[in-house]
Amino acid sequence: MKIVEYIADPIHKPQLSQAEESYLANLADEDIDYSDTEELDEQFWSKAEIVSPDLTTPVTLRVKQSILQFFQKNGKKGYQSRMNAVLESYVKFHHKD
């Protein structure tokens, strides 16, 4: 089985239209098409591992004003998440085992 990692873009979140939201809200379980997914059998579950989320810790951090303005230019909401995503990608790149 291939594992695909997806990193959400907190600035450009996919949005559903009202019609799409209404359709999904009214969709019965038996009407969901699972034909493009493989069945998860006992062999799959025997290899499954519980993965705990990487929790965040509040810190005080001094950054240059220009850096803070860059991350806040698309709105103050979410700028810390955007900064964290950049730091996380840096760590992943440099922490190759």
C-alpha atoms as a PDB file:
ATOM      1  CA  MET A   1       0.000   0.000   0.000  1.00  0.00           C
ATOM      2  CA  LYS A   2       1.308   3.412  -0.920  1.00  0.00           C
ATOM      3  CA  ILE A   3       1.271   6.117   1.771  1.00  0.00           C
ATOM      4  CA  VAL A   4       0.515   9.611   0.546  1.00  0.00           C
ATOM      5  CA  GLU A   5       1.365  12.599   2.724  1.00  0.00           C
ATOM      6  CA  TYR A   6      -0.789  15.663   2.249  1.00  0.00           C
ATOM      7  CA  ILE A   7       0.070  19.004   3.794  1.00  0.00           C
ATOM      8  CA  ALA A   8      -2.924  21.307   3.845  1.00  0.00           C
ATOM      9  CA  ASP A   9      -2.468  24.888   2.734  1.00  0.00           C
ATOM     10  CA  PRO A  10      -3.944  26.939   5.606  1.00  0.00           C
ATOM     11  CA  ILE A  11      -4.257  29.983   3.343  1.00  0.00           C
ATOM     12  CA  HIS A  12      -6.155  28.331   0.467  1.00  0.00           C
ATOM     13  CA  LYS A  13      -8.528  25.929   2.187  1.00  0.00           C
ATOM     14  CA  PRO A  14     -10.843  24.051  -0.184  1.00  0.00           C
ATOM     15  CA  GLN A  15     -14.388  25.337   0.175  1.00  0.00           C
ATOM     16  CA  LEU A  16     -17.603  23.469  -0.589  1.00  0.00           C
ATOM     17  CA  SER A  17     -20.510  25.263  -2.169  1.00  0.00           C
ATOM     18  CA  GLN A  18     -23.832  25.302  -0.315  1.00  0.00           C
ATOM     19  CA  ALA A  19     -25.175  22.805  -2.853  1.00  0.00           C
ATOM     20  CA  GLU A  20     -22.217  20.442  -2.201  1.00  0.00           C
ATOM     21  CA  GLU A  21     -22.626  20.773   1.571  1.00  0.00           C
ATOM     22  CA  SER A  22     -26.346  20.071   1.309  1.00  0.00           C
ATOM     23  CA  TYR A  23     -25.765  17.066  -0.968  1.00  0.00           C
ATOM     24  CA  LEU A  24     -23.209  15.541   1.423  1.00  0.00           C
ATOM     25  CA  ALA A  25     -25.339  16.235   4.491  1.00  0.00           C
ATOM     26  CA  ASN A  26     -28.265  14.373   2.926  1.00  0.00           C
ATOM     27  CA  LEU A  27     -26.240  11.489   1.455  1.00  0.00           C
ATOM     28  CA  ALA A  28     -27.165   8.136   3.012  1.00  0.00           C
ATOM     29  CA  ASP A  29     -24.328   5.790   4.030  1.00  0.00           C
ATOM     30  CA  GLU A  30     -25.515   3.116   1.580  1.00  0.00           C
ATOM     31  CA  ASP A  31     -25.251   5.617  -1.305  1.00  0.00           C
ATOM     32  CA  ILE A  32     -21.525   6.251  -0.793  1.00  0.00           C
ATOM     33  CA  ASP A  33     -19.415   4.756  -3.598  1.00  0.00           C
ATOM     34  CA  TYR A  34     -16.428   2.879  -2.174  1.00  0.00           C
ATOM     35  CA  SER A  35     -15.487   1.158  -5.460  1.00  0.00           C
ATOM     36  CA  ASP A  36     -12.177   3.047  -5.744  1.00  0.00           C
ATOM     37  CA  THR A  37     -10.939   2.007  -2.288  1.00  0.00           C
ATOM     38  CA  GLU A  38      -9.513  -1.329  -1.275  1.00  0.00           C
ATOM     39  CA  GLU A  39     -11.062  -3.310   1.531  1.00  0.00           C
ATOM     40  CA  LEU A  40      -9.208  -3.147   4.835  1.00  0.00           C
ATOM     41  CA  ASP A  41      -8.811  -6.773   5.860  1.00  0.00           C
ATOM     42  CA  GLU A  42      -7.312  -8.433   8.945  1.00  0.00           C
ATOM     43  CA  GLN A  43      -3.815  -8.302   7.421  1.00  0.00           C
ATOM     44  CA  PHE A  44      -4.064  -4.514   7.118  1.00  0.00           C
ATOM     45  CA  TRP A  45      -5.240  -4.075  10.708  1.00  0.00           C
ATOM     46  CA  SER A  46      -2.576  -6.445  12.057  1.00  0.00           C
ATOM     47  CA  LYS A  47       0.100  -4.019  10.787  1.00  0.00           C
ATOM     48  CA  ALA A  48      -1.698  -0.839  11.835  1.00  0.00           C
ATOM     49  CA  GLU A  49      -0.038   1.371  14.436  1.00  0.00           C
ATOM     50  CA  ILE A  50      -1.503   4.043  16.672  1.00  0.00           C
ATOM     51  CA  VAL A  51       0.119   7.374  15.886  1.00  0.00           C
ATOM     52  CA  SER A  52      -0.226  10.132  18.441  1.00  0.00           C
ATOM     53  CA  PRO A  53      -0.465  13.675  17.130  1.00  0.00           C
ATOM     54  CA  ASP A  54       2.508  15.961  17.571  1.00  0.00           C
ATOM     55  CA  LEU A  55       1.108  18.428  20.090  1.00  0.00           C
ATOM     56  CA  THR A  56       1.970  22.112  20.054  1.00  0.00           C
ATOM     57  CA  THR A  57       3.591  23.950  22.944  1.00  0.00           C
ATOM     58  CA  PRO A  58       3.102  27.666  23.505  1.00  0.00           C
ATOM     59  CA  VAL A  59       6.412  29.554  23.408  1.00  0.00           C
ATOM     60  CA  THR A  60       7.612  33.130  23.349  1.00  0.00           C
ATOM     61  CA  LEU A  61       9.666  33.719  20.234  1.00  0.00           C
ATOM     62  CA  ARG A  62      11.368  36.853  19.013  1.00  0.00           C
ATOM     63  CA  VAL A  63      11.243  37.261  15.240  1.00  0.00           C
ATOM     64  CA  LYS A  64      12.082  40.161  12.993  1.00  0.00           C
ATOM     65  CA  GLN A  65       9.185  42.490  12.329  1.00  0.00           C
ATOM     66  CA  SER A  66       9.451  41.888   8.577  1.00  0.00           C
ATOM     67  CA  ILE A  67       9.098  38.124   9.116  1.00  0.00           C
ATOM     68  CA  LEU A  68       6.001  38.571  11.263  1.00  0.00           C
ATOM     69  CA  GLN A  69       4.475  40.966   8.722  1.00  0.00           C
ATOM     70  CA  PHE A  70       5.105  38.461   5.937  1.00  0.00           C
ATOM     71  CA  PHE A  71       3.193  35.713   7.746  1.00  0.00           C
ATOM     72  CA  GLN A  72       0.400  38.101   8.748  1.00  0.00           C
ATOM     73  CA  LYS A  73      -0.078  39.650   5.302  1.00  0.00           C
ATOM     74  CA  ASN A  74      -2.793  37.124   4.398  1.00  0.00           C
ATOM     75  CA  GLY A  75      -4.605  37.799   7.628  1.00  0.00           C
ATOM     76  CA  LYS A  76      -3.640  37.607  11.261  1.00  0.00           C
ATOM     77  CA  LYS A  77      -5.738  34.492  11.754  1.00  0.00           C
ATOM     78  CA  GLY A  78      -3.590  31.422  11.140  1.00  0.00           C
ATOM     79  CA  TYR A  79      -0.232  33.153  10.878  1.00  0.00           C
ATOM     80  CA  GLN A  80       1.216  31.067  13.725  1.00  0.00           C
ATOM     81  CA  SER A  81       0.106  27.872  11.968  1.00  0.00           C
ATOM     82  CA  ARG A  82       1.774  29.067   8.776  1.00  0.00           C
ATOM     83  CA  MET A  83       5.001  29.802  10.650  1.00  0.00           C
ATOM     84  CA  ASN A  84       4.835  26.386  12.320  1.00  0.00           C
ATOM     85  CA  ALA A  85       4.334  24.683   8.931  1.00  0.00           C
ATOM     86  CA  VAL A  86       7.489  26.350   7.565  1.00  0.00           C
ATOM     87  CA  LEU A  87       9.503  25.309  10.628  1.00  0.00           C
ATOM     88  CA  GLU A  88       8.131  21.773  10.429  1.00  0.00           C
ATOM     89  CA  SER A  89       9.110  21.399   6.765  1.00  0.00           C
ATOM     90  CA  TYR A  90      12.599  22.686   7.604  1.00  0.00           C
ATOM     91  CA  VAL A  91      12.968  20.104  10.378  1.00  0.00           C
ATOM     92  CA  LYS A  92      11.687  17.271   8.150  1.00  0.00           C
ATOM     93  CA  PHE A  93      14.172  18.222   5.433  1.00  0.00           C
ATOM     94  CA  HIS A  94      17.142  18.306   7.823  1.00  0.00           C
ATOM     95  CA  HIS A  95      16.128  15.332   9.972  1.00  0.00           C
ATOM     96  CA  LYS A  96      16.491  12.605   7.357  1.00  0.00           C
ATOM     97  CA  ASP A  97      17.562   9.355   8.984  1.00  0.00           C
END
